[in-house]
Amino acid sequence: MKLSIVIPCYNERGTIEAVIDAVRAAPGGEKEIIVVDDCSRDGSGELLEGPLRAKVDCVLRHPVNRGKGAALRTGIAQATGDIVIIQDADLEYDPQQYPVLIEPILQGKADVVYGSRFLGAGPHRVLYFWHRVGNGFLTLVSNMFTNLNLTDMETCYKVFRREIIQSLRIEEDRFGFEPEITAKIAKLRCRIFEVGISYYGRTYEEGKKIGWKDGVRALWCILRYNLRA
C-alpha cells in the first residue's frame, strides 16, 4: 500500500524540514512525498530545491501565491499512491498518526477518513476559544447541509482513496477547500470515517495563518457547494 502525502507550503522555512523528516519517519509503509511551494518568500522554496530536495519525491512550485486549495489541487493531481493524505507544513499535526488515519481504508470500510481534533484521542494544545467556537459552528452548518455527523470538518488531516479525490474538481484556492471537499464527498455518498487525533496548534506569532475572513469564506462555500446542483 503506497501513501501519497501532499504538503502545501507557504512561508514555512522554520518547520518544513522537520515536517518532511517526520513524514518520512512515520509508520504506514511506502510513501510518496509531494510538496507544493506556494510562492514562499521566506526561503522555503530554496530549501526545497536545495538541501531538502533529496528527501522529497516531488517538489512543485507556484510562480505566484495562490492559496492552500490551489496548492492541494496541484499536488493531488501528481499523486500516484493508493491513499492520499493531506499534511500541513507546520508542526500542528503529527505524522505518527498515519496508521490510525489509514486503518479504516485498509480494512475496506472507508473511502475517506477525517482526523478529528475534538474526539479526545491524545494531547491537544489549549489555544483560542473563539477559533474553537468558529470551528464548531462551521462544522454544524456543514453537517446541516450534508447530513453528516462530523465533529471536525475543518481538520487538515483528510485521507482519501486516490481515485476518489482525483475524481473531484477542486475549485477553491484558499481555505475554502475544507467545506468544498466535504460537500462534494457527501454528494458522492462516500463512506466517511472519523478518528481522533492529537493536535499541537500554533499561535499567530508562531505562524498561524487562518483568520476570521477565512471563516466567512468557509460559510459561503458551505452554501455554494451544497446548494449547487
C-alpha atoms as a PDB file:
ATOM      1  CA  MET A   1       0.000   0.000   0.000  1.00  0.00           C
ATOM      2  CA  LYS A   2       1.540   3.272  -1.131  1.00  0.00           C
ATOM      3  CA  LEU A   3       0.760   6.578   0.572  1.00  0.00           C
ATOM      4  CA  SER A   4       0.938   9.902  -1.256  1.00  0.00           C
ATOM      5  CA  ILE A   5       1.421  12.721   1.247  1.00  0.00           C
ATOM      6  CA  VAL A   6       0.612  16.137  -0.211  1.00  0.00           C
ATOM      7  CA  ILE A   7       2.129  19.065   1.699  1.00  0.00           C
ATOM      8  CA  PRO A   8       1.142  22.636   0.747  1.00  0.00           C
ATOM      9  CA  CYS A   9       3.869  25.031   1.878  1.00  0.00           C
ATOM     10  CA  TYR A  10       3.795  28.804   2.223  1.00  0.00           C
ATOM     11  CA  ASN A  11       6.471  30.579   4.270  1.00  0.00           C
ATOM     12  CA  GLU A  12       7.287  27.569   6.464  1.00  0.00           C
ATOM     13  CA  ARG A  13      11.091  27.741   6.429  1.00  0.00           C
ATOM     14  CA  GLY A  14      11.218  27.134  10.176  1.00  0.00           C
ATOM     15  CA  THR A  15       9.249  23.871  10.107  1.00  0.00           C
ATOM     16  CA  ILE A  16       9.292  22.351   6.624  1.00  0.00           C
ATOM     17  CA  GLU A  17      12.398  20.204   7.178  1.00  0.00           C
ATOM     18  CA  ALA A  18      11.084  18.842  10.470  1.00  0.00           C
ATOM     19  CA  VAL A  19       7.742  18.028   8.852  1.00  0.00           C
ATOM     20  CA  ILE A  20       9.358  16.225   5.925  1.00  0.00           C
ATOM     21  CA  ASP A  21      11.584  14.238   8.288  1.00  0.00           C
ATOM     22  CA  ALA A  22       8.557  13.349  10.438  1.00  0.00           C
ATOM     23  CA  VAL A  23       6.571  12.223   7.409  1.00  0.00           C
ATOM     24  CA  ARG A  24       9.460  10.123   6.100  1.00  0.00           C
ATOM     25  CA  ALA A  25       9.924   8.503   9.531  1.00  0.00           C
ATOM     26  CA  ALA A  26       6.222   7.869  10.131  1.00  0.00           C
ATOM     27  CA  PRO A  27       4.856   4.309  10.068  1.00  0.00           C
ATOM     28  CA  GLY A  28       2.470   3.312   7.310  1.00  0.00           C
ATOM     29  CA  GLY A  29       4.521   1.750   4.539  1.00  0.00           C
ATOM     30  CA  GLU A  30       5.790   3.124   1.227  1.00  0.00           C
ATOM     31  CA  LYS A  31       5.473   6.892   0.900  1.00  0.00           C
ATOM     32  CA  GLU A  32       5.467   9.432  -1.899  1.00  0.00           C
ATOM     33  CA  ILE A  33       6.077  12.929  -0.513  1.00  0.00           C
ATOM     34  CA  ILE A  34       4.787  15.766  -2.689  1.00  0.00           C
ATOM     35  CA  VAL A  35       5.483  19.339  -1.560  1.00  0.00           C
ATOM     36  CA  VAL A  36       3.897  22.309  -3.308  1.00  0.00           C
ATOM     37  CA  ASP A  37       5.649  25.589  -2.549  1.00  0.00           C
ATOM     38  CA  ASP A  38       3.029  28.305  -2.986  1.00  0.00           C
ATOM     39  CA  CYS A  39       5.490  31.071  -3.881  1.00  0.00           C
ATOM     40  CA  SER A  40       7.028  31.339  -0.416  1.00  0.00           C
ATOM     41  CA  ARG A  41       9.002  34.483   0.277  1.00  0.00           C
ATOM     42  CA  ASP A  42      10.990  33.284   3.290  1.00  0.00           C
ATOM     43  CA  GLY A  43      13.364  30.872   1.555  1.00  0.00           C
ATOM     44  CA  SER A  44      11.193  27.755   1.869  1.00  0.00           C
ATOM     45  CA  GLY A  45      11.345  27.214  -1.888  1.00  0.00           C
ATOM     46  CA  GLU A  46      15.110  27.459  -1.960  1.00  0.00           C
ATOM     47  CA  LEU A  47      15.357  24.920   0.858  1.00  0.00           C
ATOM     48  CA  LEU A  48      13.074  22.529  -1.023  1.00  0.00           C
ATOM     49  CA  GLU A  49      15.047  22.875  -4.237  1.00  0.00           C
ATOM     50  CA  GLY A  50      18.362  22.672  -2.410  1.00  0.00           C
ATOM     51  CA  PRO A  51      19.211  20.867   0.840  1.00  0.00           C
ATOM     52  CA  LEU A  52      15.816  19.148   1.161  1.00  0.00           C
ATOM     53  CA  ARG A  53      15.381  18.037  -2.434  1.00  0.00           C
ATOM     54  CA  ALA A  54      16.722  14.520  -1.841  1.00  0.00           C
ATOM     55  CA  LYS A  55      14.157  13.966   0.939  1.00  0.00           C
ATOM     56  CA  VAL A  56      11.138  14.741  -1.247  1.00  0.00           C
ATOM     57  CA  ASP A  57       9.804  12.713  -4.167  1.00  0.00           C
ATOM     58  CA  CYS A  58       8.206  15.662  -5.959  1.00  0.00           C
ATOM     59  CA  VAL A  59       8.650  19.417  -5.478  1.00  0.00           C
ATOM     60  CA  LEU A  60       6.240  21.707  -7.295  1.00  0.00           C
ATOM     61  CA  ARG A  61       6.249  25.500  -7.183  1.00  0.00           C
ATOM     62  CA  HIS A  62       3.673  28.163  -7.954  1.00  0.00           C
ATOM     63  CA  PRO A  63       5.107  31.335  -9.539  1.00  0.00           C
ATOM     64  CA  VAL A  64       2.581  33.427  -7.599  1.00  0.00           C
ATOM     65  CA  ASN A  65       0.867  32.809  -4.273  1.00  0.00           C
ATOM     66  CA  ARG A  66      -2.487  31.142  -4.927  1.00  0.00           C
ATOM     67  CA  GLY A  67      -3.545  29.633  -1.595  1.00  0.00           C
ATOM     68  CA  LYS A  68      -3.813  26.283   0.160  1.00  0.00           C
ATOM     69  CA  GLY A  69      -6.607  24.918  -2.026  1.00  0.00           C
ATOM     70  CA  ALA A  70      -4.686  25.735  -5.198  1.00  0.00           C
ATOM     71  CA  ALA A  71      -1.550  24.076  -3.799  1.00  0.00           C
ATOM     72  CA  LEU A  72      -3.545  20.962  -2.931  1.00  0.00           C
ATOM     73  CA  ARG A  73      -5.089  20.905  -6.402  1.00  0.00           C
ATOM     74  CA  THR A  74      -1.592  20.968  -7.907  1.00  0.00           C
ATOM     75  CA  GLY A  75      -0.207  18.307  -5.580  1.00  0.00           C
ATOM     76  CA  ILE A  76      -3.144  15.904  -5.657  1.00  0.00           C
ATOM     77  CA  ALA A  77      -3.026  15.812  -9.444  1.00  0.00           C
ATOM     78  CA  GLN A  78       0.512  14.383  -9.214  1.00  0.00           C
ATOM     79  CA  ALA A  79      -0.257  11.702  -6.607  1.00  0.00           C
ATOM     80  CA  THR A  80       0.280   8.074  -7.630  1.00  0.00           C
ATOM     81  CA  GLY A  81      -0.290   6.289  -4.308  1.00  0.00           C
ATOM     82  CA  ASP A  82      -3.251   4.168  -3.295  1.00  0.00           C
ATOM     83  CA  ILE A  83      -4.111   6.589  -0.483  1.00  0.00           C
ATOM     84  CA  VAL A  84      -3.704  10.384  -0.428  1.00  0.00           C
ATOM     85  CA  ILE A  85      -3.046  12.170   2.878  1.00  0.00           C
ATOM     86  CA  ILE A  86      -3.202  15.947   3.330  1.00  0.00           C
ATOM     87  CA  GLN A  87      -0.387  17.154   5.614  1.00  0.00           C
ATOM     88  CA  ASP A  88       0.209  20.772   6.651  1.00  0.00           C
ATOM     89  CA  ALA A  89       3.768  22.097   6.533  1.00  0.00           C
ATOM     90  CA  ASP A  90       3.791  23.258  10.143  1.00  0.00           C
ATOM     91  CA  LEU A  91       4.030  21.065  13.235  1.00  0.00           C
ATOM     92  CA  GLU A  92       0.348  21.115  14.279  1.00  0.00           C
ATOM     93  CA  TYR A  93      -0.408  17.568  13.055  1.00  0.00           C
ATOM     94  CA  ASP A  94       1.694  14.503  13.896  1.00  0.00           C
ATOM     95  CA  PRO A  95       2.509  12.031  11.060  1.00  0.00           C
ATOM     96  CA  GLN A  96       2.941   9.277  13.658  1.00  0.00           C
ATOM     97  CA  GLN A  97      -0.846   9.003  13.481  1.00  0.00           C
ATOM     98  CA  TYR A  98      -0.913   7.820   9.861  1.00  0.00           C
ATOM     99  CA  PRO A  99      -1.664   4.183  10.827  1.00  0.00           C
ATOM    100  CA  VAL A 100      -4.782   5.280  12.719  1.00  0.00           C
ATOM    101  CA  LEU A 101      -5.872   7.502   9.827  1.00  0.00           C
ATOM    102  CA  ILE A 102      -5.493   4.912   7.096  1.00  0.00           C
ATOM    103  CA  GLU A 103      -6.770   1.867   9.019  1.00  0.00           C
ATOM    104  CA  PRO A 104     -10.473   2.257   8.045  1.00  0.00           C
ATOM    105  CA  ILE A 105      -9.447   2.405   4.377  1.00  0.00           C
ATOM    106  CA  LEU A 106      -7.094  -0.571   4.690  1.00  0.00           C
ATOM    107  CA  GLN A 107      -9.919  -2.566   6.247  1.00  0.00           C
ATOM    108  CA  GLY A 108     -12.130  -1.787   3.259  1.00  0.00           C
ATOM    109  CA  LYS A 109     -14.622   0.121   5.401  1.00  0.00           C
ATOM    110  CA  ALA A 110     -13.964   3.706   4.298  1.00  0.00           C
ATOM    111  CA  ASP A 111     -13.313   5.781   1.207  1.00  0.00           C
ATOM    112  CA  VAL A 112     -12.437   8.921   3.195  1.00  0.00           C
ATOM    113  CA  VAL A 113     -11.152   9.444   6.746  1.00  0.00           C
ATOM    114  CA  TYR A 114     -11.115  12.709   8.706  1.00  0.00           C
ATOM    115  CA  GLY A 115      -8.792  13.119  11.679  1.00  0.00           C
ATOM    116  CA  SER A 116     -10.839  14.898  14.343  1.00  0.00           C
ATOM    117  CA  ARG A 117      -9.166  17.186  16.850  1.00  0.00           C
ATOM    118  CA  PHE A 118     -12.235  17.001  19.067  1.00  0.00           C
ATOM    119  CA  LEU A 119     -12.739  13.274  19.665  1.00  0.00           C
ATOM    120  CA  GLY A 120     -10.341  13.203  22.606  1.00  0.00           C
ATOM    121  CA  ALA A 121      -7.541  10.912  21.406  1.00  0.00           C
ATOM    122  CA  GLY A 122      -4.182  12.211  22.545  1.00  0.00           C
ATOM    123  CA  PRO A 123      -2.881  15.591  23.756  1.00  0.00           C
ATOM    124  CA  HIS A 124      -4.224  18.915  22.485  1.00  0.00           C
ATOM    125  CA  ARG A 125      -2.587  22.269  22.933  1.00  0.00           C
ATOM    126  CA  VAL A 126      -5.005  24.722  24.565  1.00  0.00           C
ATOM    127  CA  LEU A 127      -5.342  27.873  22.472  1.00  0.00           C
ATOM    128  CA  TYR A 128      -8.039  30.144  21.094  1.00  0.00           C
ATOM    129  CA  PHE A 129     -11.609  29.904  22.433  1.00  0.00           C
ATOM    130  CA  TRP A 130     -13.205  31.729  19.501  1.00  0.00           C
ATOM    131  CA  HIS A 131     -11.410  29.529  16.984  1.00  0.00           C
ATOM    132  CA  ARG A 132     -12.972  26.513  18.681  1.00  0.00           C
ATOM    133  CA  VAL A 133     -16.394  28.156  18.594  1.00  0.00           C
ATOM    134  CA  GLY A 134     -15.911  29.041  14.926  1.00  0.00           C
ATOM    135  CA  ASN A 135     -14.817  25.504  14.027  1.00  0.00           C
ATOM    136  CA  GLY A 136     -17.807  24.065  15.815  1.00  0.00           C
ATOM    137  CA  PHE A 137     -20.201  26.467  14.117  1.00  0.00           C
ATOM    138  CA  LEU A 138     -18.846  25.798  10.622  1.00  0.00           C
ATOM    139  CA  THR A 139     -18.930  22.045  11.206  1.00  0.00           C
ATOM    140  CA  LEU A 140     -22.518  22.309  12.447  1.00  0.00           C
ATOM    141  CA  VAL A 141     -23.668  24.305   9.419  1.00  0.00           C
ATOM    142  CA  SER A 142     -21.823  21.959   7.069  1.00  0.00           C
ATOM    143  CA  ASN A 143     -23.454  18.958   8.726  1.00  0.00           C
ATOM    144  CA  MET A 144     -26.893  20.527   8.365  1.00  0.00           C
ATOM    145  CA  PHE A 145     -26.447  20.631   4.597  1.00  0.00           C
ATOM    146  CA  THR A 146     -24.526  17.368   4.077  1.00  0.00           C
ATOM    147  CA  ASN A 147     -26.488  15.343   6.649  1.00  0.00           C
ATOM    148  CA  LEU A 148     -23.198  14.058   8.047  1.00  0.00           C
ATOM    149  CA  ASN A 149     -22.318  13.962  11.742  1.00  0.00           C
ATOM    150  CA  LEU A 150     -18.695  15.107  11.567  1.00  0.00           C
ATOM    151  CA  THR A 151     -17.100  16.674  14.631  1.00  0.00           C
ATOM    152  CA  ASP A 152     -14.278  18.497  12.777  1.00  0.00           C
ATOM    153  CA  MET A 153     -14.967  19.487   9.177  1.00  0.00           C
ATOM    154  CA  GLU A 154     -12.068  21.976   9.184  1.00  0.00           C
ATOM    155  CA  THR A 155      -9.340  19.488  10.129  1.00  0.00           C
ATOM    156  CA  CYS A 156      -6.201  19.338   7.999  1.00  0.00           C
ATOM    157  CA  TYR A 157      -5.997  15.560   8.244  1.00  0.00           C
ATOM    158  CA  LYS A 158      -8.173  14.333   5.415  1.00  0.00           C
ATOM    159  CA  VAL A 159      -7.327  10.965   3.879  1.00  0.00           C
ATOM    160  CA  PHE A 160      -8.755   9.654   0.604  1.00  0.00           C
ATOM    161  CA  ARG A 161      -8.601   6.684  -1.664  1.00  0.00           C
ATOM    162  CA  ARG A 162      -6.742   8.277  -4.549  1.00  0.00           C
ATOM    163  CA  GLU A 163      -9.400   7.591  -7.167  1.00  0.00           C
ATOM    164  CA  ILE A 164     -11.946   9.453  -5.022  1.00  0.00           C
ATOM    165  CA  ILE A 165     -10.007  12.681  -4.538  1.00  0.00           C
ATOM    166  CA  GLN A 166      -8.665  12.744  -8.094  1.00  0.00           C
ATOM    167  CA  SER A 167     -12.201  12.384  -9.452  1.00  0.00           C
ATOM    168  CA  LEU A 168     -13.216  15.696  -7.854  1.00  0.00           C
ATOM    169  CA  ARG A 169     -12.613  19.141  -9.327  1.00  0.00           C
ATOM    170  CA  ILE A 170     -11.129  21.320  -6.605  1.00  0.00           C
ATOM    171  CA  GLU A 171     -12.294  24.891  -7.206  1.00  0.00           C
ATOM    172  CA  GLU A 172     -11.373  26.770  -4.042  1.00  0.00           C
ATOM    173  CA  ASP A 173      -7.932  28.378  -3.933  1.00  0.00           C
ATOM    174  CA  ARG A 174      -7.702  29.074  -0.198  1.00  0.00           C
ATOM    175  CA  PHE A 175      -9.099  27.514   2.968  1.00  0.00           C
ATOM    176  CA  GLY A 176     -12.483  27.022   1.319  1.00  0.00           C
ATOM    177  CA  PHE A 177     -11.064  23.648   0.268  1.00  0.00           C
ATOM    178  CA  GLU A 178     -12.323  22.102   3.511  1.00  0.00           C
ATOM    179  CA  PRO A 179     -16.086  22.796   3.161  1.00  0.00           C
ATOM    180  CA  GLU A 180     -15.922  22.355  -0.612  1.00  0.00           C
ATOM    181  CA  ILE A 181     -14.419  18.883  -0.475  1.00  0.00           C
ATOM    182  CA  THR A 182     -16.732  17.870   2.376  1.00  0.00           C
ATOM    183  CA  ALA A 183     -19.794  18.839   0.343  1.00  0.00           C
ATOM    184  CA  LYS A 184     -18.508  17.009  -2.723  1.00  0.00           C
ATOM    185  CA  ILE A 185     -17.673  13.720  -0.995  1.00  0.00           C
ATOM    186  CA  ALA A 186     -21.055  13.835   0.724  1.00  0.00           C
ATOM    187  CA  LYS A 187     -22.761  14.155  -2.658  1.00  0.00           C
ATOM    188  CA  LEU A 188     -20.751  11.156  -3.880  1.00  0.00           C
ATOM    189  CA  ARG A 189     -22.094   9.211  -0.883  1.00  0.00           C
ATOM    190  CA  CYS A 190     -18.581   8.195   0.090  1.00  0.00           C
ATOM    191  CA  ARG A 191     -18.065   6.025   3.152  1.00  0.00           C
ATOM    192  CA  ILE A 192     -16.624   8.571   5.598  1.00  0.00           C
ATOM    193  CA  PHE A 193     -14.981   7.750   8.931  1.00  0.00           C
ATOM    194  CA  GLU A 194     -13.564   9.964  11.683  1.00  0.00           C
ATOM    195  CA  VAL A 195     -10.720   9.054  14.032  1.00  0.00           C
ATOM    196  CA  GLY A 196      -9.408  11.019  16.984  1.00  0.00           C
ATOM    197  CA  ILE A 197      -6.016  12.715  16.619  1.00  0.00           C
ATOM    198  CA  SER A 198      -3.626  14.816  18.678  1.00  0.00           C
ATOM    199  CA  TYR A 199      -3.256  18.487  17.836  1.00  0.00           C
ATOM    200  CA  TYR A 200      -0.390  20.875  18.538  1.00  0.00           C
ATOM    201  CA  GLY A 201      -1.821  24.210  17.400  1.00  0.00           C
ATOM    202  CA  ARG A 202       0.207  27.315  16.719  1.00  0.00           C
ATOM    203  CA  THR A 203      -0.350  30.909  17.772  1.00  0.00           C
ATOM    204  CA  TYR A 204      -0.398  33.730  15.228  1.00  0.00           C
ATOM    205  CA  GLU A 205       3.054  34.732  16.471  1.00  0.00           C
ATOM    206  CA  GLU A 206       4.256  31.233  15.630  1.00  0.00           C
ATOM    207  CA  GLY A 207       2.911  31.433  12.089  1.00  0.00           C
ATOM    208  CA  LYS A 208      -0.792  30.532  12.176  1.00  0.00           C
ATOM    209  CA  LYS A 209      -2.407  31.980   9.038  1.00  0.00           C
ATOM    210  CA  ILE A 210      -6.157  31.338   9.129  1.00  0.00           C
ATOM    211  CA  GLY A 211      -8.364  34.216  10.308  1.00  0.00           C
ATOM    212  CA  TRP A 212     -11.965  35.383  10.554  1.00  0.00           C
ATOM    213  CA  LYS A 213     -12.171  36.260   6.855  1.00  0.00           C
ATOM    214  CA  ASP A 214     -11.433  32.602   6.052  1.00  0.00           C
ATOM    215  CA  GLY A 215     -14.308  31.647   8.335  1.00  0.00           C
ATOM    216  CA  VAL A 216     -16.685  33.889   6.408  1.00  0.00           C
ATOM    217  CA  ARG A 217     -15.463  32.387   3.141  1.00  0.00           C
ATOM    218  CA  ALA A 218     -15.942  28.881   4.557  1.00  0.00           C
ATOM    219  CA  LEU A 219     -19.564  29.674   5.399  1.00  0.00           C
ATOM    220  CA  TRP A 220     -20.135  30.940   1.865  1.00  0.00           C
ATOM    221  CA  CYS A 221     -18.508  27.772   0.475  1.00  0.00           C
ATOM    222  CA  ILE A 222     -20.805  25.572   2.566  1.00  0.00           C
ATOM    223  CA  LEU A 223     -23.801  27.237   0.971  1.00  0.00           C
ATOM    224  CA  ARG A 224     -22.335  27.294  -2.519  1.00  0.00           C
ATOM    225  CA  TYR A 225     -21.182  23.706  -2.849  1.00  0.00           C
ATOM    226  CA  ASN A 226     -24.102  22.134  -1.039  1.00  0.00           C
ATOM    227  CA  LEU A 227     -26.868  24.053  -2.764  1.00  0.00           C
ATOM    228  CA  ARG A 228     -25.381  23.958  -6.256  1.00  0.00           C
ATOM    229  CA  ALA A 229     -26.935  21.276  -8.461  1.00  0.00           C
END
